[in-house]
Amino acid sequence: LGTISTDLHIYAPGREIGYYNIKIGNNPWQNG
């Protein structure tokens, strides 16, 4: 997603539960 200096909102617009992993900067991946 590139370098983000504002708040980042992850949204699930569908009808099912969304599953994702995210990595911000040098922090480890947040999995599951």
Full PDB file with SEQRES, HELIX, SHEET, SSBOND, CRYST1, ORIGX, SCALE, CONECT and MASTER records, all heavy atoms in Angstrom:
SEQRES   1 A   32  LEU GLY THR ILE SER THR ASP LEU HIS ILE TYR ALA PRO          
SEQRES   2 A   32  GLY ARG GLU ILE GLY TYR TYR ASN ILE LYS ILE GLY ASN          
SEQRES   3 A   32  ASN PRO TRP GLN ASN GLY                                      
CRYST1    1.000    1.000    1.000  90.00  90.00  90.00 P 1           1          
ORIGX1      1.000000  0.000000  0.000000        0.00000                         
ORIGX2      0.000000  1.000000  0.000000        0.00000                         
ORIGX3      0.000000  0.000000  1.000000        0.00000                         
SCALE1      1.000000  0.000000  0.000000        0.00000                         
SCALE2      0.000000  1.000000  0.000000        0.00000                         
SCALE3      0.000000  0.000000  1.000000        0.00000                         
ATOM      1  N   LEU A   1       0.821  -1.209   0.000  1.00  0.00           N  
ATOM      2  CA  LEU A   1       0.000   0.000   0.000  1.00  0.00           C  
ATOM      3  C   LEU A   1       0.853   1.255   0.000  1.00  0.00           C  
ATOM      4  O   LEU A   1       0.329   2.359  -0.106  1.00  0.00           O  
ATOM      5  CB  LEU A   1      -0.936   0.002   1.214  1.00  0.00           C  
ATOM      6  CG  LEU A   1      -1.960  -1.135   1.274  1.00  0.00           C  
ATOM      7  CD1 LEU A   1      -2.774  -1.047   2.562  1.00  0.00           C  
ATOM      8  CD2 LEU A   1      -2.867  -1.122   0.055  1.00  0.00           C  
ATOM      9  N   GLY A   2       2.174   1.094   0.144  1.00  0.00           N  
ATOM     10  CA  GLY A   2       3.076   2.232   0.141  1.00  0.00           C  
ATOM     11  C   GLY A   2       3.236   2.826   1.526  1.00  0.00           C  
ATOM     12  O   GLY A   2       2.823   2.257   2.533  1.00  0.00           O  
ATOM     13  N   THR A   3       3.831   4.003   1.572  1.00  0.00           N  
ATOM     14  CA  THR A   3       4.044   4.717   2.826  1.00  0.00           C  
ATOM     15  C   THR A   3       2.778   5.503   3.151  1.00  0.00           C  
ATOM     16  O   THR A   3       2.299   6.285   2.334  1.00  0.00           O  
ATOM     17  CB  THR A   3       5.245   5.677   2.690  1.00  0.00           C  
ATOM     18  OG1 THR A   3       6.399   4.892   2.361  1.00  0.00           O  
ATOM     19  CG2 THR A   3       5.493   6.427   3.981  1.00  0.00           C  
ATOM     20  N   ILE A   4       2.254   5.293   4.344  1.00  0.00           N  
ATOM     21  CA  ILE A   4       0.990   5.923   4.739  1.00  0.00           C  
ATOM     22  C   ILE A   4       1.215   6.747   6.001  1.00  0.00           C  
ATOM     23  O   ILE A   4       1.659   6.224   7.020  1.00  0.00           O  
ATOM     24  CB  ILE A   4      -0.100   4.859   4.973  1.00  0.00           C  
ATOM     25  CG1 ILE A   4      -0.338   4.065   3.683  1.00  0.00           C  
ATOM     26  CG2 ILE A   4      -1.391   5.509   5.463  1.00  0.00           C  
ATOM     27  CD1 ILE A   4      -1.299   2.918   3.818  1.00  0.00           C  
ATOM     28  N   SER A   5       0.899   8.031   5.909  1.00  0.00           N  
ATOM     29  CA  SER A   5       1.096   8.913   7.064  1.00  0.00           C  
ATOM     30  C   SER A   5      -0.213   9.263   7.760  1.00  0.00           C  
ATOM     31  O   SER A   5      -0.214   9.947   8.774  1.00  0.00           O  
ATOM     32  CB  SER A   5       1.820  10.192   6.631  1.00  0.00           C  
ATOM     33  OG  SER A   5       1.076  10.837   5.629  1.00  0.00           O  
ATOM     34  N   THR A   6      -1.341   8.815   7.217  1.00  0.00           N  
ATOM     35  CA  THR A   6      -2.648   9.053   7.837  1.00  0.00           C  
ATOM     36  C   THR A   6      -3.163   7.746   8.425  1.00  0.00           C  
ATOM     37  O   THR A   6      -2.509   6.705   8.311  1.00  0.00           O  
ATOM     38  CB  THR A   6      -3.644   9.568   6.793  1.00  0.00           C  
ATOM     39  OG1 THR A   6      -3.837   8.557   5.804  1.00  0.00           O  
ATOM     40  CG2 THR A   6      -3.164  10.853   6.142  1.00  0.00           C  
ATOM     41  N   ASP A   7      -4.327   7.792   9.045  1.00  0.00           N  
ATOM     42  CA  ASP A   7      -4.941   6.558   9.521  1.00  0.00           C  
ATOM     43  C   ASP A   7      -5.236   5.651   8.328  1.00  0.00           C  
ATOM     44  O   ASP A   7      -5.536   6.118   7.229  1.00  0.00           O  
ATOM     45  CB  ASP A   7      -6.250   6.841  10.253  1.00  0.00           C  
ATOM     46  CG  ASP A   7      -6.035   7.449  11.623  1.00  0.00           C  
ATOM     47  OD1 ASP A   7      -4.888   7.469  12.101  1.00  0.00           O  
ATOM     48  OD2 ASP A   7      -7.030   7.911  12.219  1.00  0.00           O  
ATOM     49  N   LEU A   8      -5.154   4.357   8.556  1.00  0.00           N  
ATOM     50  CA  LEU A   8      -5.464   3.342   7.547  1.00  0.00           C  
ATOM     51  C   LEU A   8      -6.665   2.559   8.054  1.00  0.00           C  
ATOM     52  O   LEU A   8      -6.639   2.033   9.167  1.00  0.00           O  
ATOM     53  CB  LEU A   8      -4.268   2.415   7.341  1.00  0.00           C  
ATOM     54  CG  LEU A   8      -4.522   1.129   6.565  1.00  0.00           C  
ATOM     55  CD1 LEU A   8      -4.914   1.433   5.123  1.00  0.00           C  
ATOM     56  CD2 LEU A   8      -3.294   0.231   6.618  1.00  0.00           C  
ATOM     57  N   HIS A   9      -7.703   2.499   7.235  1.00  0.00           N  
ATOM     58  CA  HIS A   9      -8.921   1.778   7.606  1.00  0.00           C  
ATOM     59  C   HIS A   9      -9.046   0.553   6.702  1.00  0.00           C  
ATOM     60  O   HIS A   9      -9.037   0.684   5.481  1.00  0.00           O  
ATOM     61  CB  HIS A   9     -10.152   2.665   7.439  1.00  0.00           C  
ATOM     62  CG  HIS A   9     -10.025   3.981   8.133  1.00  0.00           C  
ATOM     63  ND1 HIS A   9     -10.194   4.123   9.489  1.00  0.00           N  
ATOM     64  CD2 HIS A   9      -9.715   5.210   7.652  1.00  0.00           C  
ATOM     65  CE1 HIS A   9     -10.007   5.386   9.814  1.00  0.00           C  
ATOM     66  NE2 HIS A   9      -9.712   6.064   8.718  1.00  0.00           N  
ATOM     67  N   ILE A  10      -9.157  -0.619   7.303  1.00  0.00           N  
ATOM     68  CA  ILE A  10      -9.413  -1.850   6.559  1.00  0.00           C  
ATOM     69  C   ILE A  10     -10.887  -2.166   6.754  1.00  0.00           C  
ATOM     70  O   ILE A  10     -11.364  -2.261   7.885  1.00  0.00           O  
ATOM     71  CB  ILE A  10      -8.525  -3.018   7.057  1.00  0.00           C  
ATOM     72  CG1 ILE A  10      -7.041  -2.639   6.974  1.00  0.00           C  
ATOM     73  CG2 ILE A  10      -8.826  -4.290   6.264  1.00  0.00           C  
ATOM     74  CD1 ILE A  10      -6.543  -2.290   5.581  1.00  0.00           C  
ATOM     75  N   TYR A  11     -11.594  -2.322   5.636  1.00  0.00           N  
ATOM     76  CA  TYR A  11     -13.047  -2.491   5.663  1.00  0.00           C  
ATOM     77  C   TYR A  11     -13.426  -3.785   4.955  1.00  0.00           C  
ATOM     78  O   TYR A  11     -12.838  -4.137   3.930  1.00  0.00           O  
ATOM     79  CB  TYR A  11     -13.696  -1.292   4.970  1.00  0.00           C  
ATOM     80  CG  TYR A  11     -15.195  -1.354   4.904  1.00  0.00           C  
ATOM     81  CD1 TYR A  11     -15.963  -1.260   6.059  1.00  0.00           C  
ATOM     82  CD2 TYR A  11     -15.839  -1.499   3.691  1.00  0.00           C  
ATOM     83  CE1 TYR A  11     -17.346  -1.318   5.992  1.00  0.00           C  
ATOM     84  CE2 TYR A  11     -17.226  -1.543   3.615  1.00  0.00           C  
ATOM     85  CZ  TYR A  11     -17.967  -1.459   4.774  1.00  0.00           C  
ATOM     86  OH  TYR A  11     -19.329  -1.516   4.714  1.00  0.00           O  
ATOM     87  N   ALA A  12     -14.435  -4.478   5.497  1.00  0.00           N  
ATOM     88  CA  ALA A  12     -14.950  -5.707   4.893  1.00  0.00           C  
ATOM     89  C   ALA A  12     -16.347  -5.418   4.336  1.00  0.00           C  
ATOM     90  O   ALA A  12     -17.329  -5.446   5.073  1.00  0.00           O  
ATOM     91  CB  ALA A  12     -15.013  -6.824   5.928  1.00  0.00           C  
ATOM     92  N   PRO A  13     -16.454  -5.116   3.025  1.00  0.00           N  
ATOM     93  CA  PRO A  13     -17.747  -4.742   2.459  1.00  0.00           C  
ATOM     94  C   PRO A  13     -18.647  -5.920   2.117  1.00  0.00           C  
ATOM     95  O   PRO A  13     -19.822  -5.738   1.839  1.00  0.00           O  
ATOM     96  CB  PRO A  13     -17.364  -3.987   1.187  1.00  0.00           C  
ATOM     97  CG  PRO A  13     -16.081  -4.607   0.771  1.00  0.00           C  
ATOM     98  CD  PRO A  13     -15.372  -4.965   2.056  1.00  0.00           C  
ATOM     99  N   GLY A  14     -18.132  -7.129   2.134  1.00  0.00           N  
ATOM    100  CA  GLY A  14     -18.912  -8.288   1.713  1.00  0.00           C  
ATOM    101  C   GLY A  14     -19.812  -8.846   2.793  1.00  0.00           C  
ATOM    102  O   GLY A  14     -20.045  -8.227   3.834  1.00  0.00           O  
ATOM    103  N   ARG A  15     -20.291 -10.054   2.556  1.00  0.00           N  
ATOM    104  CA  ARG A  15     -21.196 -10.724   3.486  1.00  0.00           C  
ATOM    105  C   ARG A  15     -20.486 -11.812   4.297  1.00  0.00           C  
ATOM    106  O   ARG A  15     -21.114 -12.484   5.096  1.00  0.00           O  
ATOM    107  CB  ARG A  15     -22.365 -11.337   2.728  1.00  0.00           C  
ATOM    108  CG  ARG A  15     -23.216 -10.307   2.028  1.00  0.00           C  
ATOM    109  CD  ARG A  15     -24.381 -10.965   1.307  1.00  0.00           C  
ATOM    110  NE  ARG A  15     -25.115 -10.008   0.520  1.00  0.00           N  
ATOM    111  CZ  ARG A  15     -26.165  -9.335   0.955  1.00  0.00           C  
ATOM    112  NH1 ARG A  15     -26.580  -9.504   2.181  1.00  0.00           N  
ATOM    113  NH2 ARG A  15     -26.790  -8.481   0.168  1.00  0.00           N  
ATOM    114  N   GLU A  16     -19.192 -11.993   4.054  1.00  0.00           N  
ATOM    115  CA  GLU A  16     -18.433 -13.021   4.764  1.00  0.00           C  
ATOM    116  C   GLU A  16     -17.348 -12.377   5.621  1.00  0.00           C  
ATOM    117  O   GLU A  16     -16.923 -11.259   5.363  1.00  0.00           O  
ATOM    118  CB  GLU A  16     -17.775 -13.970   3.754  1.00  0.00           C  
ATOM    119  CG  GLU A  16     -18.761 -14.715   2.885  1.00  0.00           C  
ATOM    120  CD  GLU A  16     -18.058 -15.606   1.877  1.00  0.00           C  
ATOM    121  OE1 GLU A  16     -16.885 -15.941   2.085  1.00  0.00           O  
ATOM    122  OE2 GLU A  16     -18.705 -15.953   0.881  1.00  0.00           O  
ATOM    123  N   ILE A  17     -16.889 -13.119   6.620  1.00  0.00           N  
ATOM    124  CA  ILE A  17     -15.780 -12.650   7.456  1.00  0.00           C  
ATOM    125  C   ILE A  17     -14.536 -12.531   6.583  1.00  0.00           C  
ATOM    126  O   ILE A  17     -14.256 -13.390   5.753  1.00  0.00           O  
ATOM    127  CB  ILE A  17     -15.519 -13.630   8.612  1.00  0.00           C  
ATOM    128  CG1 ILE A  17     -16.727 -13.668   9.548  1.00  0.00           C  
ATOM    129  CG2 ILE A  17     -14.262 -13.243   9.387  1.00  0.00           C  
ATOM    130  CD1 ILE A  17     -16.618 -14.714  10.628  1.00  0.00           C  
ATOM    131  N   GLY A  18     -13.790 -11.433   6.747  1.00  0.00           N  
ATOM    132  CA  GLY A  18     -12.535 -11.236   6.027  1.00  0.00           C  
ATOM    133  C   GLY A  18     -11.358 -11.702   6.870  1.00  0.00           C  
ATOM    134  O   GLY A  18     -11.371 -11.584   8.107  1.00  0.00           O  
ATOM    135  N   TYR A  19     -10.351 -12.252   6.223  1.00  0.00           N  
ATOM    136  CA  TYR A  19      -9.141 -12.730   6.895  1.00  0.00           C  
ATOM    137  C   TYR A  19      -7.935 -12.107   6.212  1.00  0.00           C  
ATOM    138  O   TYR A  19      -7.841 -12.136   4.982  1.00  0.00           O  
ATOM    139  CB  TYR A  19      -9.043 -14.255   6.805  1.00  0.00           C  
ATOM    140  CG  TYR A  19     -10.183 -14.970   7.481  1.00  0.00           C  
ATOM    141  CD1 TYR A  19     -11.293 -15.381   6.749  1.00  0.00           C  
ATOM    142  CD2 TYR A  19     -10.158 -15.218   8.849  1.00  0.00           C  
ATOM    143  CE1 TYR A  19     -12.353 -16.032   7.364  1.00  0.00           C  
ATOM    144  CE2 TYR A  19     -11.215 -15.863   9.469  1.00  0.00           C  
ATOM    145  CZ  TYR A  19     -12.308 -16.267   8.722  1.00  0.00           C  
ATOM    146  OH  TYR A  19     -13.347 -16.896   9.334  1.00  0.00           O  
ATOM    147  N   TYR A  20      -7.008 -11.565   7.008  1.00  0.00           N  
ATOM    148  CA  TYR A  20      -5.842 -10.931   6.402  1.00  0.00           C  
ATOM    149  C   TYR A  20      -4.669 -10.900   7.362  1.00  0.00           C  
ATOM    150  O   TYR A  20      -4.813 -11.117   8.563  1.00  0.00           O  
ATOM    151  CB  TYR A  20      -6.188  -9.515   5.929  1.00  0.00           C  
ATOM    152  CG  TYR A  20      -6.503  -8.523   7.035  1.00  0.00           C  
ATOM    153  CD1 TYR A  20      -5.534  -7.636   7.500  1.00  0.00           C  
ATOM    154  CD2 TYR A  20      -7.767  -8.457   7.599  1.00  0.00           C  
ATOM    155  CE1 TYR A  20      -5.816  -6.718   8.498  1.00  0.00           C  
ATOM    156  CE2 TYR A  20      -8.062  -7.547   8.596  1.00  0.00           C  
ATOM    157  CZ  TYR A  20      -7.087  -6.678   9.043  1.00  0.00           C  
ATOM    158  OH  TYR A  20      -7.377  -5.778  10.030  1.00  0.00           O  
ATOM    159  N   ASN A  21      -3.497 -10.631   6.793  1.00  0.00           N  
ATOM    160  CA  ASN A  21      -2.264 -10.365   7.536  1.00  0.00           C  
ATOM    161  C   ASN A  21      -1.837  -8.951   7.164  1.00  0.00           C  
ATOM    162  O   ASN A  21      -2.080  -8.504   6.041  1.00  0.00           O  
ATOM    163  CB  ASN A  21      -1.152 -11.340   7.137  1.00  0.00           C  
ATOM    164  CG  ASN A  21      -1.561 -12.785   7.303  1.00  0.00           C  
ATOM    165  OD1 ASN A  21      -2.317 -13.130   8.187  1.00  0.00           O  
ATOM    166  ND2 ASN A  21      -1.054 -13.635   6.426  1.00  0.00           N  
ATOM    167  N   ILE A  22      -1.173  -8.254   8.095  1.00  0.00           N  
ATOM    168  CA  ILE A  22      -0.717  -6.897   7.808  1.00  0.00           C  
ATOM    169  C   ILE A  22       0.660  -6.681   8.417  1.00  0.00           C  
ATOM    170  O   ILE A  22       0.964  -7.216   9.491  1.00  0.00           O  
ATOM    171  CB  ILE A  22      -1.736  -5.836   8.315  1.00  0.00           C  
ATOM    172  CG1 ILE A  22      -1.407  -4.447   7.759  1.00  0.00           C  
ATOM    173  CG2 ILE A  22      -1.841  -5.849   9.834  1.00  0.00           C  
ATOM    174  CD1 ILE A  22      -2.529  -3.442   7.939  1.00  0.00           C  
ATOM    175  N   LYS A  23       1.497  -5.935   7.702  1.00  0.00           N  
ATOM    176  CA  LYS A  23       2.834  -5.579   8.178  1.00  0.00           C  
ATOM    177  C   LYS A  23       2.988  -4.073   8.048  1.00  0.00           C  
ATOM    178  O   LYS A  23       2.808  -3.508   6.979  1.00  0.00           O  
ATOM    179  CB  LYS A  23       3.915  -6.288   7.357  1.00  0.00           C  
ATOM    180  CG  LYS A  23       5.328  -5.950   7.795  1.00  0.00           C  
ATOM    181  CD  LYS A  23       6.338  -6.781   7.036  1.00  0.00           C  
ATOM    182  CE  LYS A  23       7.769  -6.461   7.350  1.00  0.00           C  
ATOM    183  NZ  LYS A  23       8.126  -5.927   8.625  1.00  0.00           N  
ATOM    184  N   ILE A  24       3.317  -3.425   9.165  1.00  0.00           N  
ATOM    185  CA  ILE A  24       3.476  -1.974   9.187  1.00  0.00           C  
ATOM    186  C   ILE A  24       4.913  -1.651   9.574  1.00  0.00           C  
ATOM    187  O   ILE A  24       5.357  -1.991  10.679  1.00  0.00           O  
ATOM    188  CB  ILE A  24       2.487  -1.316  10.161  1.00  0.00           C  
ATOM    189  CG1 ILE A  24       1.048  -1.641   9.728  1.00  0.00           C  
ATOM    190  CG2 ILE A  24       2.705   0.190  10.217  1.00  0.00           C  
ATOM    191  CD1 ILE A  24      -0.015  -1.171  10.689  1.00  0.00           C  
ATOM    192  N   GLY A  25       5.636  -1.026   8.643  1.00  0.00           N  
ATOM    193  CA  GLY A  25       7.025  -0.645   8.900  1.00  0.00           C  
ATOM    194  C   GLY A  25       7.901  -1.849   9.200  1.00  0.00           C  
ATOM    195  O   GLY A  25       7.781  -2.895   8.561  1.00  0.00           O  
ATOM    196  N   ASN A  26       8.780  -1.696  10.195  1.00  0.00           N  
ATOM    197  CA  ASN A  26       9.695  -2.774  10.570  1.00  0.00           C  
ATOM    198  C   ASN A  26       9.096  -3.744  11.577  1.00  0.00           C  
ATOM    199  O   ASN A  26       9.778  -4.669  12.029  1.00  0.00           O  
ATOM    200  CB  ASN A  26      10.993  -2.180  11.148  1.00  0.00           C  
ATOM    201  CG  ASN A  26      11.777  -1.436  10.092  1.00  0.00           C  
ATOM    202  OD1 ASN A  26      11.792  -1.826   8.926  1.00  0.00           O  
ATOM    203  ND2 ASN A  26      12.421  -0.350  10.486  1.00  0.00           N  
ATOM    204  N   ASN A  27       7.853  -3.543  11.931  1.00  0.00           N  
ATOM    205  CA  ASN A  27       7.182  -4.450  12.867  1.00  0.00           C  
ATOM    206  C   ASN A  27       6.957  -5.795  12.194  1.00  0.00           C  
ATOM    207  O   ASN A  27       6.827  -5.873  10.970  1.00  0.00           O  
ATOM    208  CB  ASN A  27       5.843  -3.863  13.318  1.00  0.00           C  
ATOM    209  CG  ASN A  27       6.018  -2.585  14.097  1.00  0.00           C  
ATOM    210  OD1 ASN A  27       6.856  -2.515  14.991  1.00  0.00           O  
ATOM    211  ND2 ASN A  27       5.252  -1.567  13.763  1.00  0.00           N  
ATOM    212  N   PRO A  28       6.869  -6.868  12.983  1.00  0.00           N  
ATOM    213  CA  PRO A  28       6.592  -8.175  12.381  1.00  0.00           C  
ATOM    214  C   PRO A  28       5.173  -8.226  11.817  1.00  0.00           C  
ATOM    215  O   PRO A  28       4.312  -7.419  12.188  1.00  0.00           O  
ATOM    216  CB  PRO A  28       6.756  -9.145  13.554  1.00  0.00           C  
ATOM    217  CG  PRO A  28       6.648  -8.322  14.780  1.00  0.00           C  
ATOM    218  CD  PRO A  28       7.047  -6.941  14.420  1.00  0.00           C  
ATOM    219  N   TRP A  29       4.946  -9.182  10.920  1.00  0.00           N  
ATOM    220  CA  TRP A  29       3.601  -9.392  10.378  1.00  0.00           C  
ATOM    221  C   TRP A  29       2.636  -9.686  11.522  1.00  0.00           C  
ATOM    222  O   TRP A  29       2.967 -10.421  12.450  1.00  0.00           O  
ATOM    223  CB  TRP A  29       3.590 -10.580   9.422  1.00  0.00           C  
ATOM    224  CG  TRP A  29       4.099 -10.272   8.062  1.00  0.00           C  
ATOM    225  CD1 TRP A  29       5.389 -10.416   7.626  1.00  0.00           C  
ATOM    226  CD2 TRP A  29       3.348  -9.788   6.955  1.00  0.00           C  
ATOM    227  NE1 TRP A  29       5.469 -10.039   6.311  1.00  0.00           N  
ATOM    228  CE2 TRP A  29       4.235  -9.657   5.869  1.00  0.00           C  
ATOM    229  CE3 TRP A  29       2.007  -9.460   6.769  1.00  0.00           C  
ATOM    230  CZ2 TRP A  29       3.820  -9.201   4.620  1.00  0.00           C  
ATOM    231  CZ3 TRP A  29       1.602  -9.007   5.525  1.00  0.00           C  
ATOM    232  CH2 TRP A  29       2.497  -8.879   4.471  1.00  0.00           C  
ATOM    233  N   GLN A  30       1.437  -9.114  11.450  1.00  0.00           N  
ATOM    234  CA  GLN A  30       0.340  -9.497  12.330  1.00  0.00           C  
ATOM    235  C   GLN A  30      -0.483 -10.493  11.518  1.00  0.00           C  
ATOM    236  O   GLN A  30      -1.112 -10.121  10.524  1.00  0.00           O  
ATOM    237  CB  GLN A  30      -0.511  -8.287  12.707  1.00  0.00           C  
ATOM    238  CG  GLN A  30       0.237  -7.254  13.528  1.00  0.00           C  
ATOM    239  CD  GLN A  30      -0.650  -6.059  13.833  1.00  0.00           C  
ATOM    240  OE1 GLN A  30      -1.793  -6.212  14.250  1.00  0.00           O  
ATOM    241  NE2 GLN A  30      -0.121  -4.864  13.609  1.00  0.00           N  
ATOM    242  N   ASN A  31      -0.436 -11.750  11.908  1.00  0.00           N  
ATOM    243  CA  ASN A  31      -1.048 -12.821  11.130  1.00  0.00           C  
ATOM    244  C   ASN A  31      -2.384 -13.261  11.719  1.00  0.00           C  
ATOM    245  O   ASN A  31      -2.615 -13.171  12.921  1.00  0.00           O  
ATOM    246  CB  ASN A  31      -0.113 -14.033  11.061  1.00  0.00           C  
ATOM    247  CG  ASN A  31       1.148 -13.726  10.304  1.00  0.00           C  
ATOM    248  OD1 ASN A  31       1.097 -13.136   9.229  1.00  0.00           O  
ATOM    249  ND2 ASN A  31       2.284 -14.121  10.843  1.00  0.00           N  
ATOM    250  N   GLY A  32      -3.242 -13.768  10.851  1.00  0.00           N  
ATOM    251  CA  GLY A  32      -4.492 -14.382  11.281  1.00  0.00           C  
ATOM    252  C   GLY A  32      -5.543 -13.410  11.779  1.00  0.00           C  
ATOM    253  O   GLY A  32      -6.365 -13.766  12.616  1.00  0.00           O  
TER     254      GLY A  32                                                      
MASTER        0    0    0    0    0    0    0    6  253    1    0    3          
END                                                                             
